[in-house]
mmCIF file of all heavy atoms, coordinates in Angstrom:
data_MODEL
# 
_entry.id   MODEL 
# 
loop_
_atom_site.group_PDB 
_atom_site.id 
_atom_site.type_symbol 
_atom_site.label_atom_id 
_atom_site.label_alt_id 
_atom_site.label_comp_id 
_atom_site.label_asym_id 
_atom_site.label_entity_id 
_atom_site.label_seq_id 
_atom_site.pdbx_PDB_ins_code 
_atom_site.Cartn_x 
_atom_site.Cartn_y 
_atom_site.Cartn_z 
_atom_site.occupancy 
_atom_site.B_iso_or_equiv 
_atom_site.pdbx_formal_charge 
_atom_site.auth_seq_id 
_atom_site.auth_comp_id 
_atom_site.auth_asym_id 
_atom_site.auth_atom_id 
_atom_site.pdbx_PDB_model_num 
ATOM 1   N N   . ALA A 1 1  ? 35.394 13.440 25.540 1.00 0.00 ? 1  ALA A N   1 
ATOM 2   C CA  . ALA A 1 1  ? 34.470 14.539 25.263 1.00 0.00 ? 1  ALA A CA  1 
ATOM 3   C C   . ALA A 1 1  ? 34.121 15.209 26.581 1.00 0.00 ? 1  ALA A C   1 
ATOM 4   O O   . ALA A 1 1  ? 33.983 14.540 27.607 1.00 0.00 ? 1  ALA A O   1 
ATOM 5   C CB  . ALA A 1 1  ? 33.205 14.019 24.592 1.00 0.00 ? 1  ALA A CB  1 
ATOM 6   N N   . PRO A 1 2  ? 33.966 16.517 26.567 1.00 0.00 ? 2  PRO A N   1 
ATOM 7   C CA  . PRO A 1 2  ? 33.504 17.199 27.782 1.00 0.00 ? 2  PRO A CA  1 
ATOM 8   C C   . PRO A 1 2  ? 32.027 16.898 28.010 1.00 0.00 ? 2  PRO A C   1 
ATOM 9   O O   . PRO A 1 2  ? 31.292 16.581 27.072 1.00 0.00 ? 2  PRO A O   1 
ATOM 10  C CB  . PRO A 1 2  ? 33.719 18.676 27.458 1.00 0.00 ? 2  PRO A CB  1 
ATOM 11  C CG  . PRO A 1 2  ? 33.581 18.747 25.968 1.00 0.00 ? 2  PRO A CG  1 
ATOM 12  C CD  . PRO A 1 2  ? 34.142 17.450 25.448 1.00 0.00 ? 2  PRO A CD  1 
ATOM 13  N N   . ASP A 1 3  ? 31.622 16.992 29.252 1.00 0.00 ? 3  ASP A N   1 
ATOM 14  C CA  . ASP A 1 3  ? 30.206 16.827 29.576 1.00 0.00 ? 3  ASP A CA  1 
ATOM 15  C C   . ASP A 1 3  ? 29.477 18.126 29.271 1.00 0.00 ? 3  ASP A C   1 
ATOM 16  O O   . ASP A 1 3  ? 29.894 19.196 29.686 1.00 0.00 ? 3  ASP A O   1 
ATOM 17  C CB  . ASP A 1 3  ? 30.044 16.471 31.057 1.00 0.00 ? 3  ASP A CB  1 
ATOM 18  C CG  . ASP A 1 3  ? 28.598 16.205 31.405 1.00 0.00 ? 3  ASP A CG  1 
ATOM 19  O OD1 . ASP A 1 3  ? 28.112 15.113 31.059 1.00 0.00 ? 3  ASP A OD1 1 
ATOM 20  O OD2 . ASP A 1 3  ? 27.957 17.089 32.012 1.00 0.00 ? 3  ASP A OD2 1 
ATOM 21  N N   . VAL A 1 4  ? 28.381 18.004 28.529 1.00 0.00 ? 4  VAL A N   1 
ATOM 22  C CA  . VAL A 1 4  ? 27.567 19.168 28.194 1.00 0.00 ? 4  VAL A CA  1 
ATOM 23  C C   . VAL A 1 4  ? 26.140 18.850 28.616 1.00 0.00 ? 4  VAL A C   1 
ATOM 24  O O   . VAL A 1 4  ? 25.391 18.198 27.894 1.00 0.00 ? 4  VAL A O   1 
ATOM 25  C CB  . VAL A 1 4  ? 27.630 19.493 26.683 1.00 0.00 ? 4  VAL A CB  1 
ATOM 26  C CG1 . VAL A 1 4  ? 26.760 20.692 26.357 1.00 0.00 ? 4  VAL A CG1 1 
ATOM 27  C CG2 . VAL A 1 4  ? 29.065 19.716 26.228 1.00 0.00 ? 4  VAL A CG2 1 
ATOM 28  N N   . GLY A 1 5  ? 25.808 19.236 29.845 1.00 0.00 ? 5  GLY A N   1 
ATOM 29  C CA  . GLY A 1 5  ? 24.459 19.009 30.333 1.00 0.00 ? 5  GLY A CA  1 
ATOM 30  C C   . GLY A 1 5  ? 24.052 17.549 30.413 1.00 0.00 ? 5  GLY A C   1 
ATOM 31  O O   . GLY A 1 5  ? 22.909 17.211 30.144 1.00 0.00 ? 5  GLY A O   1 
ATOM 32  N N   . GLY A 1 6  ? 25.005 16.681 30.750 1.00 0.00 ? 6  GLY A N   1 
ATOM 33  C CA  . GLY A 1 6  ? 24.704 15.264 30.895 1.00 0.00 ? 6  GLY A CA  1 
ATOM 34  C C   . GLY A 1 6  ? 24.858 14.440 29.627 1.00 0.00 ? 6  GLY A C   1 
ATOM 35  O O   . GLY A 1 6  ? 24.546 13.253 29.615 1.00 0.00 ? 6  GLY A O   1 
ATOM 36  N N   . THR A 1 7  ? 25.361 15.060 28.566 1.00 0.00 ? 7  THR A N   1 
ATOM 37  C CA  . THR A 1 7  ? 25.656 14.331 27.332 1.00 0.00 ? 7  THR A CA  1 
ATOM 38  C C   . THR A 1 7  ? 27.064 14.705 26.872 1.00 0.00 ? 7  THR A C   1 
ATOM 39  O O   . THR A 1 7  ? 27.584 15.763 27.243 1.00 0.00 ? 7  THR A O   1 
ATOM 40  C CB  . THR A 1 7  ? 24.652 14.671 26.212 1.00 0.00 ? 7  THR A CB  1 
ATOM 41  O OG1 . THR A 1 7  ? 24.728 16.070 25.923 1.00 0.00 ? 7  THR A OG1 1 
ATOM 42  C CG2 . THR A 1 7  ? 23.227 14.314 26.593 1.00 0.00 ? 7  THR A CG2 1 
ATOM 43  N N   . PRO A 1 8  ? 27.691 13.861 26.048 1.00 0.00 ? 8  PRO A N   1 
ATOM 44  C CA  . PRO A 1 8  ? 29.037 14.201 25.599 1.00 0.00 ? 8  PRO A CA  1 
ATOM 45  C C   . PRO A 1 8  ? 29.028 15.342 24.589 1.00 0.00 ? 8  PRO A C   1 
ATOM 46  O O   . PRO A 1 8  ? 28.152 15.414 23.727 1.00 0.00 ? 8  PRO A O   1 
ATOM 47  C CB  . PRO A 1 8  ? 29.543 12.904 24.962 1.00 0.00 ? 8  PRO A CB  1 
ATOM 48  C CG  . PRO A 1 8  ? 28.322 12.133 24.612 1.00 0.00 ? 8  PRO A CG  1 
ATOM 49  C CD  . PRO A 1 8  ? 27.265 12.538 25.586 1.00 0.00 ? 8  PRO A CD  1 
ATOM 50  N N   . GLY A 1 9  ? 30.020 16.221 24.714 1.00 0.00 ? 9  GLY A N   1 
ATOM 51  C CA  . GLY A 1 9  ? 30.230 17.270 23.725 1.00 0.00 ? 9  GLY A CA  1 
ATOM 52  C C   . GLY A 1 9  ? 31.012 16.704 22.552 1.00 0.00 ? 9  GLY A C   1 
ATOM 53  O O   . GLY A 1 9  ? 30.902 15.523 22.234 1.00 0.00 ? 9  GLY A O   1 
ATOM 54  N N   . ASP A 1 10 ? 31.848 17.519 21.947 1.00 0.00 ? 10 ASP A N   1 
ATOM 55  C CA  . ASP A 1 10 ? 32.637 17.081 20.799 1.00 0.00 ? 10 ASP A CA  1 
ATOM 56  C C   . ASP A 1 10 ? 33.747 16.134 21.235 1.00 0.00 ? 10 ASP A C   1 
ATOM 57  O O   . ASP A 1 10 ? 34.505 16.435 22.162 1.00 0.00 ? 10 ASP A O   1 
ATOM 58  C CB  . ASP A 1 10 ? 33.260 18.279 20.080 1.00 0.00 ? 10 ASP A CB  1 
ATOM 59  C CG  . ASP A 1 10 ? 32.219 19.153 19.404 1.00 0.00 ? 10 ASP A CG  1 
ATOM 60  O OD1 . ASP A 1 10 ? 31.140 18.640 19.049 1.00 0.00 ? 10 ASP A OD1 1 
ATOM 61  O OD2 . ASP A 1 10 ? 32.497 20.355 19.230 1.00 0.00 ? 10 ASP A OD2 1 
ATOM 62  N N   . TRP A 1 11 ? 33.842 14.999 20.550 1.00 0.00 ? 11 TRP A N   1 
ATOM 63  C CA  . TRP A 1 11 ? 34.869 14.004 20.847 1.00 0.00 ? 11 TRP A CA  1 
ATOM 64  C C   . TRP A 1 11 ? 36.204 14.436 20.243 1.00 0.00 ? 11 TRP A C   1 
ATOM 65  O O   . TRP A 1 11 ? 36.249 14.966 19.136 1.00 0.00 ? 11 TRP A O   1 
ATOM 66  C CB  . TRP A 1 11 ? 34.482 12.647 20.282 1.00 0.00 ? 11 TRP A CB  1 
ATOM 67  C CG  . TRP A 1 11 ? 33.310 12.032 20.976 1.00 0.00 ? 11 TRP A CG  1 
ATOM 68  C CD1 . TRP A 1 11 ? 32.011 12.076 20.580 1.00 0.00 ? 11 TRP A CD1 1 
ATOM 69  C CD2 . TRP A 1 11 ? 33.340 11.290 22.196 1.00 0.00 ? 11 TRP A CD2 1 
ATOM 70  N NE1 . TRP A 1 11 ? 31.216 11.404 21.478 1.00 0.00 ? 11 TRP A NE1 1 
ATOM 71  C CE2 . TRP A 1 11 ? 32.012 10.898 22.485 1.00 0.00 ? 11 TRP A CE2 1 
ATOM 72  C CE3 . TRP A 1 11 ? 34.343 10.909 23.077 1.00 0.00 ? 11 TRP A CE3 1 
ATOM 73  C CZ2 . TRP A 1 11 ? 31.674 10.152 23.603 1.00 0.00 ? 11 TRP A CZ2 1 
ATOM 74  C CZ3 . TRP A 1 11 ? 34.007 10.163 24.186 1.00 0.00 ? 11 TRP A CZ3 1 
ATOM 75  C CH2 . TRP A 1 11 ? 32.692 9.798  24.442 1.00 0.00 ? 11 TRP A CH2 1 
ATOM 76  N N   . ALA A 1 12 ? 37.302 14.171 20.978 1.00 0.00 ? 12 ALA A N   1 
ATOM 77  C CA  . ALA A 1 12 ? 38.649 14.449 20.493 1.00 0.00 ? 12 ALA A CA  1 
ATOM 78  C C   . ALA A 1 12 ? 39.550 13.281 20.865 1.00 0.00 ? 12 ALA A C   1 
ATOM 79  O O   . ALA A 1 12 ? 39.450 12.743 21.969 1.00 0.00 ? 12 ALA A O   1 
ATOM 80  C CB  . ALA A 1 12 ? 39.188 15.729 21.110 1.00 0.00 ? 12 ALA A CB  1 
ATOM 81  N N   . ARG A 1 13 ? 40.417 12.900 19.965 1.00 0.00 ? 13 ARG A N   1 
ATOM 82  C CA  . ARG A 1 13 ? 41.380 11.828 20.259 1.00 0.00 ? 13 ARG A CA  1 
ATOM 83  C C   . ARG A 1 13 ? 42.425 12.357 21.223 1.00 0.00 ? 13 ARG A C   1 
ATOM 84  O O   . ARG A 1 13 ? 43.044 13.396 20.981 1.00 0.00 ? 13 ARG A O   1 
ATOM 85  C CB  . ARG A 1 13 ? 42.031 11.346 18.977 1.00 0.00 ? 13 ARG A CB  1 
ATOM 86  C CG  . ARG A 1 13 ? 42.919 10.131 19.209 1.00 0.00 ? 13 ARG A CG  1 
ATOM 87  C CD  . ARG A 1 13 ? 43.439 9.555  17.920 1.00 0.00 ? 13 ARG A CD  1 
ATOM 88  N NE  . ARG A 1 13 ? 42.320 9.121  17.084 1.00 0.00 ? 13 ARG A NE  1 
ATOM 89  C CZ  . ARG A 1 13 ? 42.408 8.938  15.781 1.00 0.00 ? 13 ARG A CZ  1 
ATOM 90  N NH1 . ARG A 1 13 ? 43.538 9.159  15.149 1.00 0.00 ? 13 ARG A NH1 1 
ATOM 91  N NH2 . ARG A 1 13 ? 41.351 8.551  15.091 1.00 0.00 ? 13 ARG A NH2 1 
ATOM 92  N N   . VAL A 1 14 ? 42.618 11.643 22.342 1.00 0.00 ? 14 VAL A N   1 
ATOM 93  C CA  . VAL A 1 14 ? 43.584 12.089 23.351 1.00 0.00 ? 14 VAL A CA  1 
ATOM 94  C C   . VAL A 1 14 ? 44.759 11.140 23.495 1.00 0.00 ? 14 VAL A C   1 
ATOM 95  O O   . VAL A 1 14 ? 45.740 11.467 24.151 1.00 0.00 ? 14 VAL A O   1 
ATOM 96  C CB  . VAL A 1 14 ? 42.909 12.324 24.721 1.00 0.00 ? 14 VAL A CB  1 
ATOM 97  C CG1 . VAL A 1 14 ? 41.920 13.481 24.630 1.00 0.00 ? 14 VAL A CG1 1 
ATOM 98  C CG2 . VAL A 1 14 ? 42.226 11.064 25.232 1.00 0.00 ? 14 VAL A CG2 1 
ATOM 99  N N   . ALA A 1 15 ? 44.667 9.952  22.882 1.00 0.00 ? 15 ALA A N   1 
ATOM 100 C CA  . ALA A 1 15 ? 45.777 9.005  22.965 1.00 0.00 ? 15 ALA A CA  1 
ATOM 101 C C   . ALA A 1 15 ? 45.663 7.973  21.853 1.00 0.00 ? 15 ALA A C   1 
ATOM 102 O O   . ALA A 1 15 ? 44.562 7.622  21.432 1.00 0.00 ? 15 ALA A O   1 
ATOM 103 C CB  . ALA A 1 15 ? 45.792 8.287  24.312 1.00 0.00 ? 15 ALA A CB  1 
ATOM 104 N N   . THR A 1 16 ? 46.819 7.520  21.396 1.00 0.00 ? 16 THR A N   1 
ATOM 105 C CA  . THR A 1 16 ? 46.916 6.372  20.506 1.00 0.00 ? 16 THR A CA  1 
ATOM 106 C C   . THR A 1 16 ? 47.812 5.376  21.220 1.00 0.00 ? 16 THR A C   1 
ATOM 107 O O   . THR A 1 16 ? 48.958 5.698  21.555 1.00 0.00 ? 16 THR A O   1 
ATOM 108 C CB  . THR A 1 16 ? 47.508 6.764  19.140 1.00 0.00 ? 16 THR A CB  1 
ATOM 109 O OG1 . THR A 1 16 ? 46.663 7.745  18.542 1.00 0.00 ? 16 THR A OG1 1 
ATOM 110 C CG2 . THR A 1 16 ? 47.594 5.555  18.229 1.00 0.00 ? 16 THR A CG2 1 
ATOM 111 N N   . LEU A 1 17 ? 47.280 4.197  21.491 1.00 0.00 ? 17 LEU A N   1 
ATOM 112 C CA  . LEU A 1 17 ? 47.989 3.182  22.273 1.00 0.00 ? 17 LEU A CA  1 
ATOM 113 C C   . LEU A 1 17 ? 48.373 2.009  21.391 1.00 0.00 ? 17 LEU A C   1 
ATOM 114 O O   . LEU A 1 17 ? 47.712 1.744  20.380 1.00 0.00 ? 17 LEU A O   1 
ATOM 115 C CB  . LEU A 1 17 ? 47.087 2.686  23.406 1.00 0.00 ? 17 LEU A CB  1 
ATOM 116 C CG  . LEU A 1 17 ? 46.474 3.763  24.295 1.00 0.00 ? 17 LEU A CG  1 
ATOM 117 C CD1 . LEU A 1 17 ? 45.494 3.138  25.272 1.00 0.00 ? 17 LEU A CD1 1 
ATOM 118 C CD2 . LEU A 1 17 ? 47.558 4.533  25.020 1.00 0.00 ? 17 LEU A CD2 1 
ATOM 119 N N   . GLY A 1 18 ? 49.388 1.291  21.802 1.00 0.00 ? 18 GLY A N   1 
ATOM 120 C CA  . GLY A 1 18 ? 49.819 0.114  21.069 1.00 0.00 ? 18 GLY A CA  1 
ATOM 121 C C   . GLY A 1 18 ? 48.927 -1.086 21.343 1.00 0.00 ? 18 GLY A C   1 
ATOM 122 O O   . GLY A 1 18 ? 48.046 -1.060 22.203 1.00 0.00 ? 18 GLY A O   1 
ATOM 123 N N   . ALA A 1 19 ? 49.189 -2.162 20.610 1.00 0.00 ? 19 ALA A N   1 
ATOM 124 C CA  . ALA A 1 19 ? 48.443 -3.407 20.777 1.00 0.00 ? 19 ALA A CA  1 
ATOM 125 C C   . ALA A 1 19 ? 48.539 -3.901 22.215 1.00 0.00 ? 19 ALA A C   1 
ATOM 126 O O   . ALA A 1 19 ? 49.580 -3.751 22.867 1.00 0.00 ? 19 ALA A O   1 
ATOM 127 C CB  . ALA A 1 19 ? 48.981 -4.462 19.830 1.00 0.00 ? 19 ALA A CB  1 
ATOM 128 N N   . ASN A 1 20 ? 47.444 -4.449 22.704 1.00 0.00 ? 20 ASN A N   1 
ATOM 129 C CA  . ASN A 1 20 ? 47.364 -5.055 24.042 1.00 0.00 ? 20 ASN A CA  1 
ATOM 130 C C   . ASN A 1 20 ? 47.535 -4.064 25.186 1.00 0.00 ? 20 ASN A C   1 
ATOM 131 O O   . ASN A 1 20 ? 47.793 -4.479 26.323 1.00 0.00 ? 20 ASN A O   1 
ATOM 132 C CB  . ASN A 1 20 ? 48.343 -6.216 24.175 1.00 0.00 ? 20 ASN A CB  1 
ATOM 133 C CG  . ASN A 1 20 ? 48.075 -7.287 23.147 1.00 0.00 ? 20 ASN A CG  1 
ATOM 134 O OD1 . ASN A 1 20 ? 46.931 -7.682 22.928 1.00 0.00 ? 20 ASN A OD1 1 
ATOM 135 N ND2 . ASN A 1 20 ? 49.113 -7.749 22.477 1.00 0.00 ? 20 ASN A ND2 1 
ATOM 136 N N   . ALA A 1 21 ? 47.408 -2.789 24.929 1.00 0.00 ? 21 ALA A N   1 
ATOM 137 C CA  . ALA A 1 21 ? 47.481 -1.788 26.002 1.00 0.00 ? 21 ALA A CA  1 
ATOM 138 C C   . ALA A 1 21 ? 46.326 -2.013 26.973 1.00 0.00 ? 21 ALA A C   1 
ATOM 139 O O   . ALA A 1 21 ? 45.232 -2.408 26.572 1.00 0.00 ? 21 ALA A O   1 
ATOM 140 C CB  . ALA A 1 21 ? 47.422 -0.389 25.429 1.00 0.00 ? 21 ALA A CB  1 
ATOM 141 N N   . VAL A 1 22 ? 46.584 -1.785 28.234 1.00 0.00 ? 22 VAL A N   1 
ATOM 142 C CA  . VAL A 1 22 ? 45.545 -1.981 29.251 1.00 0.00 ? 22 VAL A CA  1 
ATOM 143 C C   . VAL A 1 22 ? 45.232 -0.710 30.037 1.00 0.00 ? 22 VAL A C   1 
ATOM 144 O O   . VAL A 1 22 ? 44.330 -0.710 30.859 1.00 0.00 ? 22 VAL A O   1 
ATOM 145 C CB  . VAL A 1 22 ? 45.914 -3.123 30.231 1.00 0.00 ? 22 VAL A CB  1 
ATOM 146 C CG1 . VAL A 1 22 ? 45.958 -4.453 29.495 1.00 0.00 ? 22 VAL A CG1 1 
ATOM 147 C CG2 . VAL A 1 22 ? 47.228 -2.837 30.917 1.00 0.00 ? 22 VAL A CG2 1 
ATOM 148 N N   . ARG A 1 23 ? 45.962 0.379  29.780 1.00 0.00 ? 23 ARG A N   1 
ATOM 149 C CA  . ARG A 1 23 ? 45.659 1.633  30.466 1.00 0.00 ? 23 ARG A CA  1 
ATOM 150 C C   . ARG A 1 23 ? 46.213 2.811  29.668 1.00 0.00 ? 23 ARG A C   1 
ATOM 151 O O   . ARG A 1 23 ? 47.116 2.666  28.860 1.00 0.00 ? 23 ARG A O   1 
ATOM 152 C CB  . ARG A 1 23 ? 46.203 1.642  31.872 1.00 0.00 ? 23 ARG A CB  1 
ATOM 153 C CG  . ARG A 1 23 ? 47.698 1.814  31.954 1.00 0.00 ? 23 ARG A CG  1 
ATOM 154 C CD  . ARG A 1 23 ? 48.181 1.801  33.356 1.00 0.00 ? 23 ARG A CD  1 
ATOM 155 N NE  . ARG A 1 23 ? 48.680 0.462  33.600 1.00 0.00 ? 23 ARG A NE  1 
ATOM 156 C CZ  . ARG A 1 23 ? 49.453 0.129  34.576 1.00 0.00 ? 23 ARG A CZ  1 
ATOM 157 N NH1 . ARG A 1 23 ? 49.808 1.021  35.452 1.00 0.00 ? 23 ARG A NH1 1 
ATOM 158 N NH2 . ARG A 1 23 ? 49.880 -1.091 34.723 1.00 0.00 ? 23 ARG A NH2 1 
ATOM 159 N N   . ALA A 1 24 ? 45.639 3.966  29.968 1.00 0.00 ? 24 ALA A N   1 
ATOM 160 C CA  . ALA A 1 24 ? 46.095 5.221  29.376 1.00 0.00 ? 24 ALA A CA  1 
ATOM 161 C C   . ALA A 1 24 ? 46.033 6.290  30.454 1.00 0.00 ? 24 ALA A C   1 
ATOM 162 O O   . ALA A 1 24 ? 45.220 6.202  31.377 1.00 0.00 ? 24 ALA A O   1 
ATOM 163 C CB  . ALA A 1 24 ? 45.213 5.606  28.200 1.00 0.00 ? 24 ALA A CB  1 
# 
């Protein structure tokens, strides 16, 4: 989510990771 005055704006999915993933 973008920062909007110190709080999160609208959330958007940016990645779908497989099981046991440790980074994106």
